[in-house]
Amino acid sequence: MNKGKLIVFSAPSGSGKTTIVKHLLGKEDLNLEFSISAASREPRGEEEHGKDYYFISLEQFKKHIKAEEFLEWEEVYRDNFYGTLKSEIERIWALGKNVIFDIDVAGGLRIKHKFPEQTLAVFVKPPSVDELKRRLKQRSTESDDKINMRIAKASVELATAPQFDTIIKNYDLDTAKEEAYQLVKEFISK
């Protein structure tokens, strides 16, 4: 596993990383393909298997872990696992594309650690924790308990920002999108 570039976007839920990643995927000159993560949870809202995530059972997820088939994985919440299958990266590199990730901070840092020269690790910083909470409530996809769990986790995640190659402050989405585009364009041209 040593072929293309790896572009990691990590941030607390509600920071705008998914919106930024979708924007970058629309830029053909970057030659990016989205790394679809595996998740041991049920789909939310309009999410689709094989597009947003590979939704697999908790039992199957644990079998993949045991077989060492993940590049990285994390138990984000109790019995709620997320990870990147090695086969997903190989699939994208076989297409001759660069891999872009939208993953949690622990997974993002693991990828950077495993492939330090090939990886650009970007942390998307929200304007404030209050703004995060507002955005998560606006989604209307999760209970107040889940939102409060995400907010509690956000404080821990924000502390990891200095470990990333760069931090994009998402105070204005259009500015953040353009900054992300320029960073990625420069990195893949090296």
Protein backbone atom coordinates (compact mmCIF):
# COMPACT_ATOMS: atom_id res chain seq x y z
CA MET A 1 0.00 0.00 0.00
CA ASN A 2 2.10 2.89 -1.23
CA LYS A 3 0.68 4.51 -4.35
CA GLY A 4 -1.18 7.82 -4.17
CA LYS A 5 -1.73 10.78 -1.91
CA LEU A 6 -3.97 10.67 1.15
CA ILE A 7 -5.95 13.77 2.10
CA VAL A 8 -7.46 13.60 5.59
CA PHE A 9 -10.16 15.99 6.84
CA SER A 10 -11.03 15.63 10.51
CA ALA A 11 -13.06 17.74 12.92
CA PRO A 12 -15.76 17.55 15.55
CA SER A 13 -19.25 16.78 14.20
CA GLY A 14 -20.85 19.94 12.84
CA SER A 15 -17.60 21.72 11.91
CA GLY A 16 -18.30 21.64 8.16
CA LYS A 17 -15.72 19.02 7.12
CA THR A 18 -18.23 16.96 5.13
CA THR A 19 -19.38 20.04 3.19
CA ILE A 20 -15.76 20.96 2.45
CA VAL A 21 -14.89 17.40 1.35
CA LYS A 22 -17.93 17.30 -0.99
CA HIS A 23 -16.81 20.63 -2.47
CA LEU A 24 -13.31 19.26 -3.13
CA LEU A 25 -14.70 16.09 -4.72
CA GLY A 26 -16.37 18.34 -7.30
CA LYS A 27 -12.98 19.73 -8.39
CA GLU A 28 -11.87 17.39 -11.20
CA ASP A 29 -8.33 18.81 -11.31
CA LEU A 30 -7.65 17.36 -7.83
CA ASN A 31 -8.30 13.77 -9.03
CA LEU A 32 -9.91 12.77 -5.73
CA GLU A 33 -12.01 9.79 -4.75
CA PHE A 34 -13.88 9.59 -1.47
CA SER A 35 -12.83 6.90 0.99
CA ILE A 36 -16.04 5.31 2.20
CA SER A 37 -15.70 4.36 5.85
CA ALA A 38 -17.21 1.27 7.41
CA ALA A 39 -19.64 1.84 10.29
CA SER A 40 -21.28 -0.55 12.73
CA ARG A 41 -24.36 1.66 13.10
CA GLU A 42 -27.60 1.95 11.19
CA PRO A 43 -27.96 4.54 8.39
CA ARG A 44 -29.27 7.99 9.42
CA GLY A 45 -31.61 10.04 7.30
CA GLU A 46 -30.76 9.71 3.59
CA GLU A 47 -27.49 7.83 4.08
CA GLU A 48 -26.87 4.96 1.66
CA HIS A 49 -24.77 1.81 1.98
CA GLY A 50 -21.76 1.95 -0.35
CA LYS A 51 -22.11 5.71 -0.86
CA ASP A 52 -21.95 7.35 2.57
CA TYR A 53 -20.68 4.36 4.57
CA TYR A 54 -20.36 0.62 4.36
CA PHE A 55 -22.92 -0.27 7.01
CA ILE A 56 -21.91 -3.58 8.57
CA SER A 57 -22.99 -5.38 11.71
CA LEU A 58 -21.03 -5.07 14.93
CA GLU A 59 -20.15 -8.76 14.62
CA GLN A 60 -18.82 -8.32 11.06
CA PHE A 61 -16.87 -5.21 12.07
CA LYS A 62 -15.14 -7.17 14.83
CA LYS A 63 -14.29 -9.96 12.35
CA HIS A 64 -12.60 -7.40 10.06
CA ILE A 65 -10.62 -6.07 13.05
CA LYS A 66 -9.47 -9.57 13.99
CA ALA A 67 -8.41 -10.23 10.37
CA GLU A 68 -6.43 -6.94 10.36
CA GLU A 69 -8.38 -5.68 7.35
CA PHE A 70 -8.59 -2.07 8.58
CA LEU A 71 -6.09 0.68 7.89
CA GLU A 72 -7.52 2.37 10.98
CA TRP A 73 -10.57 1.89 13.18
CA GLU A 74 -12.06 3.40 16.29
CA GLU A 75 -14.81 2.66 18.76
CA VAL A 76 -16.18 6.20 18.62
CA TYR A 77 -19.00 5.54 21.07
CA ARG A 78 -19.82 2.31 22.93
CA ASP A 79 -20.42 -0.48 20.34
CA ASN A 80 -20.32 2.16 17.62
CA PHE A 81 -17.27 1.47 15.42
CA TYR A 82 -15.96 3.34 12.39
CA GLY A 83 -12.97 2.44 10.25
CA THR A 84 -11.23 2.45 6.89
CA LEU A 85 -10.89 -0.90 5.15
CA LYS A 86 -7.52 -1.43 3.45
CA SER A 87 -9.43 -2.71 0.42
CA GLU A 88 -11.09 0.72 0.06
CA ILE A 89 -7.73 2.49 -0.29
CA GLU A 90 -6.48 -0.15 -2.72
CA ARG A 91 -9.68 0.27 -4.78
CA ILE A 92 -9.12 4.03 -5.08
CA TRP A 93 -5.41 3.78 -5.85
CA ALA A 94 -6.21 1.18 -8.54
CA LEU A 95 -8.31 3.92 -10.20
CA GLY A 96 -5.20 6.15 -10.23
CA LYS A 97 -6.78 8.64 -7.85
CA ASN A 98 -5.86 10.40 -4.61
CA VAL A 99 -7.84 9.36 -1.54
CA ILE A 100 -9.83 11.92 0.46
CA PHE A 101 -11.10 11.08 3.94
CA ASP A 102 -13.83 12.58 6.10
CA ILE A 103 -13.04 10.86 9.40
CA ASP A 104 -12.75 11.37 13.14
CA VAL A 105 -9.58 12.90 14.57
CA ALA A 106 -8.17 9.65 16.01
CA GLY A 107 -8.48 7.89 12.64
CA GLY A 108 -7.04 10.88 10.79
CA LEU A 109 -3.98 10.97 13.02
CA ARG A 110 -3.47 7.19 12.64
CA ILE A 111 -3.39 7.53 8.85
CA LYS A 112 -0.94 10.45 9.10
CA HIS A 113 1.27 8.37 11.41
CA LYS A 114 1.24 5.34 9.05
CA PHE A 115 1.86 7.39 5.87
CA PRO A 116 3.56 10.62 7.02
CA GLU A 117 4.94 11.69 3.63
CA GLN A 118 1.86 10.76 1.58
CA THR A 119 -0.71 12.35 3.88
CA LEU A 120 -2.02 15.87 4.25
CA ALA A 121 -3.93 15.98 7.55
CA VAL A 122 -6.33 18.92 7.82
CA PHE A 123 -8.28 19.86 10.94
CA VAL A 124 -11.45 21.90 10.41
CA LYS A 125 -12.04 24.17 13.38
CA PRO A 126 -15.55 25.51 14.09
CA PRO A 127 -16.21 29.09 15.23
CA SER A 128 -17.22 27.88 18.71
CA VAL A 129 -18.66 24.94 20.64
CA ASP A 130 -21.97 26.84 20.87
CA GLU A 131 -22.06 27.09 17.07
CA LEU A 132 -21.37 23.34 16.84
CA LYS A 133 -24.33 22.62 19.10
CA ARG A 134 -26.56 24.90 17.02
CA ARG A 135 -25.53 23.15 13.78
CA LEU A 136 -26.07 19.67 15.24
CA LYS A 137 -29.54 20.61 16.51
CA GLN A 138 -30.36 22.13 13.11
CA ARG A 139 -29.64 18.78 11.41
CA SER A 140 -32.50 17.15 13.35
CA THR A 141 -30.95 13.69 12.88
CA GLU A 142 -30.09 12.85 16.48
CA SER A 143 -31.51 12.97 20.01
CA ASP A 144 -30.44 15.63 22.51
CA ASP A 145 -28.47 12.93 24.37
CA LYS A 146 -26.48 12.07 21.22
CA ILE A 147 -25.87 15.76 20.52
CA ASN A 148 -24.62 16.29 24.08
CA MET A 149 -22.28 13.28 23.65
CA ARG A 150 -20.91 14.84 20.46
CA ILE A 151 -20.41 18.22 22.14
CA ALA A 152 -18.55 16.61 25.05
CA LYS A 153 -16.32 14.76 22.57
CA ALA A 154 -15.73 17.99 20.58
CA SER A 155 -13.74 19.55 23.43
CA VAL A 156 -11.34 16.59 23.41
CA GLU A 157 -11.12 16.64 19.59
CA LEU A 158 -10.41 20.39 19.48
CA ALA A 159 -7.36 19.79 21.68
CA THR A 160 -5.85 17.53 18.96
CA ALA A 161 -5.87 20.27 16.30
CA PRO A 162 -2.15 21.16 16.71
CA GLN A 163 -1.21 17.56 15.79
CA PHE A 164 -2.53 18.06 12.24
CA ASP A 165 -0.51 19.50 9.35
CA THR A 166 -2.82 22.48 9.08
CA ILE A 167 -5.96 23.97 10.60
CA ILE A 168 -8.74 25.56 8.57
CA LYS A 169 -10.90 27.89 10.65
CA ASN A 170 -14.44 27.49 9.31
CA TYR A 171 -15.93 30.86 10.28
CA ASP A 172 -17.04 31.47 6.69
CA LEU A 173 -17.80 28.37 4.60
CA ASP A 174 -16.85 29.85 1.20
CA THR A 175 -13.49 31.01 2.55
CA ALA A 176 -12.88 27.61 4.17
CA LYS A 177 -13.72 25.80 0.90
CA GLU A 178 -11.28 27.96 -1.08
CA GLU A 179 -8.53 27.55 1.53
CA ALA A 180 -9.04 23.76 1.46
CA TYR A 181 -8.90 23.71 -2.34
CA GLN A 182 -5.60 25.65 -2.42
CA LEU A 183 -4.04 23.43 0.28
CA VAL A 184 -4.98 20.20 -1.48
CA LYS A 185 -3.97 21.48 -4.92
CA GLU A 186 -0.54 22.45 -3.62
CA PHE A 187 -0.06 19.15 -1.76
CA ILE A 188 -0.93 16.86 -4.68
CA SER A 189 1.32 18.79 -7.06
CA LYS A 190 4.42 17.94 -4.97
